[in-house]
Each structure stands twice: as C-alpha cells, then as structure tokens.
Amino acid sequence: MSTVFDVSVGKSYAISQLETRPDLDLPTKLQLCYRFKILPWLTPAFKELVSLPIKGLGPMGIAKIPAYILHALIQVNHQISTHRLTLAAVVPPTMAGMCHTPLTCADGWETGWTTGPAEMLRHPSIFYSSWDILAQLESVEIPQVCSDCQESSVVNVKETGCLLMEDGFVEDKLEELRAWLMSH
C-alpha cells in the first residue's frame, strides 16, 4: 500500500520489518526488490546468489527471481566460470627474482599453481572467492620455488588483477540491473 500511495515512511517501515524476518530468502528479496524498487537489497542479494550454485535454489526459488535478473545472474555466472577455467588452465608466468635456479622455480611454480589455485578455481562444489585464492597464494610455501621467486610471482598475479576481475563482472552487471530497475 505504501508504494501505491507513495507513502515513503510506510514503505521504509515495511522494508525494515521485512529485513528482520529470518525466512526471507534471496529469491524473495530479489522479487520484492524488483516489484517495489528496493534498490538497497539488490547488491547484497545478487552478490550472494552469484557465489551459490543456481541449481541449489530449486525450481521454486528460481521461479521467484524476475526473468531479467535471473538472466543477468546466469550471464555473470557463465562469465565467471569461463574466466575461472581459463585461469586454471593458463599458469601465470613465474617472475624470477634474485634466483640461481630460475628453471627449477618455474617448474615448481607451475606445479604449485596446478595443484593449488587451479584446483580451487575448478572446484565443482565449493566456491572459492578470488580473495580466498590470493590469500592461499600468499600464505602457502610452494616446494621447489625460492621465496624471492614466489613473492615476485604472487605480486605479479596481484598486479595483473586477473584474479580480481570477477568482482568487476559482478559490478558491471549490477550497474546494468540498477539502470534496468529504475526504468521499469
């Protein structure tokens, strides 16, 4: 009613009451976000859904999400999945520091990448964020890689931003969704 008669205080009160409900799931939040233009709910709900498998929502959950938002969710999940598979397959270059065994370090880095971050990127049931993967890279000691080469290689991965591109994919899609919501 508050939305129909443009009573902003009533709408704000209703939203604050809904936010306290423990049974308010993410698909319902997106449904209400679309229907009543509750923009503050869009970003957290969308970001959380991006990190979950869509199949896990079930048919009822999927049916609640407005088609345009569901399509955007599928698009960004596909973009992230393709990016992750590419990162897993292509080992970032080893950056040799003051090293006496650069070939050994390069082999060790490749092995360390394929058994660590690449496995995390390809994991079928656990979603590791790019920040989790960066933290793993910074904290693990990779055998056969000297500390200088490892440090230089991790800095290179950070500086290229290849692991942090996922956040940009989500933000771009959210910007598009915000514009779409305001126009409908």
Protein backbone atom coordinates (compact mmCIF):
# COMPACT_ATOMS: atom_id res chain seq x y z
CA MET A 1 0.00 0.00 0.00
CA SER A 2 2.81 2.37 0.87
CA THR A 3 4.26 2.06 -2.62
CA VAL A 4 0.90 2.53 -4.33
CA PHE A 5 0.14 5.77 -2.45
CA ASP A 6 3.79 6.88 -2.36
CA VAL A 7 4.00 6.94 1.41
CA SER A 8 7.76 6.69 1.84
CA VAL A 9 7.66 6.39 5.64
CA GLY A 10 5.31 3.42 5.39
CA LYS A 11 7.46 1.82 2.72
CA SER A 12 10.61 2.31 4.82
CA TYR A 13 8.88 0.79 7.86
CA ALA A 14 7.66 -2.22 5.86
CA ILE A 15 11.14 -2.79 4.43
CA SER A 16 12.77 -2.59 7.87
CA GLN A 17 10.24 -5.11 9.21
CA LEU A 18 10.86 -7.48 6.28
CA GLU A 19 14.62 -7.31 6.82
CA THR A 20 14.21 -8.78 10.31
CA ARG A 21 12.40 -11.88 9.05
CA PRO A 22 14.69 -14.91 9.10
CA ASP A 23 12.58 -16.69 6.46
CA LEU A 24 13.15 -14.02 3.80
CA ASP A 25 15.26 -15.86 1.25
CA LEU A 26 17.39 -14.36 -1.51
CA PRO A 27 15.00 -15.09 -4.42
CA THR A 28 12.14 -13.45 -2.50
CA LYS A 29 14.35 -10.45 -1.75
CA LEU A 30 15.07 -10.04 -5.46
CA GLN A 31 11.39 -10.46 -6.27
CA LEU A 32 10.44 -7.74 -3.78
CA CYS A 33 13.38 -5.62 -4.90
CA TYR A 34 12.01 -5.66 -8.44
CA ARG A 35 8.37 -5.22 -7.55
CA PHE A 36 8.79 -2.40 -5.02
CA LYS A 37 12.11 -0.90 -6.21
CA ILE A 38 14.02 -1.77 -3.02
CA LEU A 39 17.42 -0.99 -4.52
CA PRO A 40 19.45 -1.48 -1.30
CA TRP A 41 18.57 -5.20 -1.44
CA LEU A 42 19.81 -5.71 -4.99
CA THR A 43 23.58 -5.70 -4.44
CA PRO A 44 23.85 -7.99 -1.39
CA ALA A 45 21.25 -10.46 -2.68
CA PHE A 46 22.74 -10.61 -6.17
CA LYS A 47 26.33 -10.96 -4.91
CA GLU A 48 25.35 -13.77 -2.56
CA LEU A 49 23.45 -15.59 -5.31
CA VAL A 50 26.45 -15.29 -7.64
CA SER A 51 28.51 -17.29 -5.15
CA LEU A 52 25.90 -20.06 -4.91
CA PRO A 53 25.07 -22.74 -7.48
CA ILE A 54 21.85 -21.79 -9.27
CA LYS A 55 20.66 -25.40 -9.12
CA GLY A 56 20.66 -25.14 -5.33
CA LEU A 57 17.82 -22.63 -5.44
CA GLY A 58 15.40 -25.26 -6.69
CA PRO A 59 12.51 -24.67 -9.07
CA MET A 60 10.53 -22.57 -6.56
CA GLY A 61 13.46 -20.30 -5.81
CA ILE A 62 14.29 -19.81 -9.47
CA ALA A 63 10.64 -19.06 -10.27
CA LYS A 64 10.63 -16.18 -7.73
CA ILE A 65 13.52 -14.33 -9.37
CA PRO A 66 12.36 -11.90 -12.07
CA ALA A 67 13.39 -13.16 -15.52
CA TYR A 68 15.69 -10.24 -16.34
CA ILE A 69 17.55 -10.59 -13.02
CA LEU A 70 17.76 -14.38 -13.43
CA HIS A 71 19.17 -13.92 -16.91
CA ALA A 72 21.75 -11.46 -15.55
CA LEU A 73 22.66 -13.95 -12.81
CA ILE A 74 23.15 -16.73 -15.36
CA GLN A 75 25.20 -14.43 -17.60
CA VAL A 76 27.57 -13.34 -14.84
CA ASN A 77 27.91 -16.93 -13.55
CA HIS A 78 28.85 -18.06 -17.05
CA GLN A 79 31.33 -15.20 -17.43
CA ILE A 80 32.93 -16.04 -14.07
CA SER A 81 33.00 -19.77 -14.82
CA THR A 82 34.69 -19.22 -18.19
CA HIS A 83 37.20 -16.83 -16.62
CA ARG A 84 37.99 -19.30 -13.81
CA LEU A 85 38.51 -22.22 -16.20
CA THR A 86 40.84 -20.07 -18.30
CA LEU A 87 42.83 -19.02 -15.22
CA ALA A 88 43.05 -22.62 -14.07
CA ALA A 89 44.38 -23.76 -17.44
CA VAL A 90 46.89 -20.97 -18.04
CA VAL A 91 49.57 -20.75 -15.37
CA PRO A 92 50.67 -17.17 -14.67
CA PRO A 93 54.33 -16.65 -15.50
CA THR A 94 57.00 -17.12 -12.88
CA MET A 95 58.72 -13.88 -12.07
CA ALA A 96 62.31 -14.65 -11.25
CA GLY A 97 63.85 -12.51 -8.56
CA MET A 98 67.42 -12.80 -7.43
CA CYS A 99 67.40 -16.51 -8.14
CA HIS A 100 70.13 -19.01 -9.02
CA THR A 101 67.69 -21.72 -10.17
CA PRO A 102 65.01 -19.98 -12.28
CA LEU A 103 64.08 -23.14 -14.25
CA THR A 104 63.52 -25.14 -11.06
CA CYS A 105 61.44 -22.31 -9.64
CA ALA A 106 59.40 -22.09 -12.87
CA ASP A 107 58.65 -25.84 -12.73
CA GLY A 108 57.77 -25.61 -9.04
CA TRP A 109 55.51 -22.58 -9.63
CA GLU A 110 53.65 -24.43 -12.40
CA THR A 111 53.17 -27.48 -10.18
CA GLY A 112 52.15 -25.31 -7.24
CA TRP A 113 49.61 -23.43 -9.38
CA THR A 114 48.04 -26.54 -10.89
CA THR A 115 47.70 -28.31 -7.54
CA GLY A 116 46.61 -25.23 -5.57
CA PRO A 117 44.84 -22.24 -7.13
CA ALA A 118 43.87 -24.12 -10.31
CA GLU A 119 42.12 -26.79 -8.24
CA MET A 120 40.36 -24.09 -6.22
CA LEU A 121 39.24 -22.35 -9.42
CA ARG A 122 37.85 -25.60 -10.85
CA HIS A 123 36.28 -26.95 -7.66
CA PRO A 124 32.79 -28.19 -8.56
CA SER A 125 31.02 -27.76 -5.23
CA ILE A 126 32.93 -25.16 -3.21
CA PHE A 127 33.10 -21.59 -4.45
CA TYR A 128 36.43 -20.05 -3.50
CA SER A 129 36.44 -16.30 -3.92
CA SER A 130 39.31 -14.65 -5.73
CA TRP A 131 40.33 -13.17 -2.36
CA ASP A 132 40.49 -16.70 -0.87
CA ILE A 133 42.76 -17.79 -3.70
CA LEU A 134 45.04 -14.78 -3.31
CA ALA A 135 45.27 -15.42 0.44
CA GLN A 136 46.16 -19.05 -0.26
CA LEU A 137 48.87 -17.98 -2.72
CA GLU A 138 50.36 -15.57 -0.19
CA SER A 139 50.36 -17.99 2.73
CA VAL A 140 51.41 -21.30 1.21
CA GLU A 141 55.02 -22.31 0.76
CA ILE A 142 55.50 -23.90 -2.65
CA PRO A 143 58.22 -26.56 -2.70
CA GLN A 144 60.96 -26.06 -5.29
CA VAL A 145 60.26 -22.31 -5.51
CA CYS A 146 62.61 -19.97 -3.70
CA SER A 147 60.95 -17.34 -1.55
CA ASP A 148 62.09 -14.49 -3.83
CA CYS A 149 60.58 -16.07 -6.97
CA GLN A 150 57.38 -16.95 -5.14
CA GLU A 151 56.99 -13.45 -3.73
CA SER A 152 57.67 -11.88 -7.16
CA SER A 153 55.23 -14.26 -8.85
CA VAL A 154 52.45 -13.59 -6.32
CA VAL A 155 52.99 -9.84 -6.69
CA ASN A 156 52.72 -10.29 -10.47
CA VAL A 157 49.40 -12.16 -10.10
CA LYS A 158 48.10 -9.37 -7.86
CA GLU A 159 49.27 -6.58 -10.17
CA THR A 160 47.74 -8.12 -13.29
CA GLY A 161 44.39 -8.20 -11.49
CA CYS A 162 43.49 -11.45 -13.22
CA LEU A 163 42.04 -12.97 -10.03
CA LEU A 164 40.07 -9.88 -9.13
CA MET A 165 38.28 -9.48 -12.46
CA GLU A 166 35.26 -11.41 -11.13
CA ASP A 167 34.33 -8.51 -8.88
CA GLY A 168 34.28 -6.28 -11.97
CA PHE A 169 32.00 -8.70 -13.83
CA VAL A 170 29.52 -8.60 -10.94
CA GLU A 171 29.72 -4.81 -10.52
CA ASP A 172 29.16 -4.24 -14.24
CA LYS A 173 26.09 -6.49 -14.18
CA LEU A 174 24.78 -4.78 -11.04
CA GLU A 175 25.13 -1.38 -12.69
CA GLU A 176 23.13 -2.67 -15.64
CA LEU A 177 20.47 -4.12 -13.29
CA ARG A 178 20.16 -0.87 -11.31
CA ALA A 179 19.56 1.07 -14.53
CA TRP A 180 17.01 -1.51 -15.65
CA LEU A 181 15.18 -1.46 -12.30
CA MET A 182 14.93 2.33 -12.34
CA SER A 183 13.50 2.29 -15.85
CA HIS A 184 10.73 -0.20 -15.01
